Each structure stands twice: as structure tokens, then as C-alpha cells.
Amino acid sequence: MPTPVGPVPPDPDDPDTWDWGEFAGERNRRKPLWQLVLVGIVVMGLVLLLVVNVL
């Protein structure tokens, strides 16, 4: 099918043209504070259990 003369309009399904936001590269690396606190509590609980079982 022949294309019209001039630039082709952008394809809306092309991920390169989507607006990914300002922090697109950091989206998967940034964790909310409550998740970090929860992981810290679980780790400290496991360390406490280990220390109690060893003594």
C-alpha cells in the first residue's frame, strides 16, 4: 500500500513513543518505606531466633 507524501504519523502501539514518566528506569528499584521496614523486622526476628536457639 503506498504511503502518503510526508512524515508518517507515530504509531500509538510503539513503546518507544509512550510516556514512561520521569523515573522509568528507577521504577523497579524504588521500594516503599513500609516494605523496607517489614523486611527489616522479619530479618531481625530471624536473627533473634537464631541467637536464642544457639544459646
Protein backbone atom coordinates (compact mmCIF):
# COMPACT_ATOMS: atom_id res chain seq x y z
CA MET A 1 0.00 0.00 0.00
CA PRO A 2 1.53 3.33 -0.92
CA THR A 3 2.23 5.79 1.86
CA PRO A 4 1.22 9.44 1.63
CA VAL A 5 3.82 12.04 0.89
CA GLY A 6 5.28 13.47 4.07
CA PRO A 7 6.09 12.12 7.52
CA VAL A 8 4.29 9.07 8.77
CA PRO A 9 2.19 9.67 11.92
CA PRO A 10 3.57 7.99 15.07
CA ASP A 11 2.30 4.55 15.94
CA PRO A 12 0.44 4.68 19.30
CA ASP A 13 1.33 1.00 19.94
CA ASP A 14 5.08 1.66 19.73
CA PRO A 15 6.59 1.52 23.29
CA ASP A 16 9.35 3.93 22.22
CA THR A 17 6.77 6.71 21.87
CA TRP A 18 4.96 6.09 25.18
CA ASP A 19 5.39 8.50 28.08
CA TRP A 20 7.09 6.31 30.69
CA GLY A 21 7.41 9.11 33.22
CA GLU A 22 10.41 10.80 34.74
CA PHE A 23 11.69 7.83 36.78
CA ALA A 24 11.08 4.99 34.31
CA GLY A 25 14.48 3.39 34.95
CA GLU A 26 14.13 3.59 38.72
CA ARG A 27 10.56 2.32 38.98
CA ASN A 28 11.55 -1.27 39.76
CA ARG A 29 14.39 -0.33 42.12
CA ARG A 30 12.47 2.01 44.40
CA LYS A 31 10.58 0.33 47.24
CA PRO A 32 8.06 1.97 49.54
CA LEU A 33 9.26 2.61 53.07
CA TRP A 34 6.78 0.18 54.69
CA GLN A 35 8.17 -2.74 52.65
CA LEU A 36 11.72 -1.98 53.79
CA VAL A 37 10.59 -1.73 57.41
CA LEU A 38 8.70 -5.02 57.14
CA VAL A 39 11.71 -6.82 55.66
CA GLY A 40 13.91 -5.36 58.41
CA ILE A 41 11.55 -6.64 61.12
CA VAL A 42 11.44 -10.12 59.60
CA VAL A 43 15.23 -10.27 59.29
CA MET A 44 15.73 -9.09 62.88
CA GLY A 45 13.20 -11.69 64.07
CA LEU A 46 15.07 -14.46 62.27
CA VAL A 47 18.40 -13.30 63.73
CA LEU A 48 16.83 -13.23 67.22
CA LEU A 49 15.51 -16.77 66.76
CA LEU A 50 18.95 -17.92 65.64
CA VAL A 51 20.65 -16.33 68.64
CA VAL A 52 18.11 -17.79 71.09
CA ASN A 53 18.47 -21.28 69.61
CA VAL A 54 22.26 -21.20 69.66
CA LEU A 55 22.47 -20.11 73.32
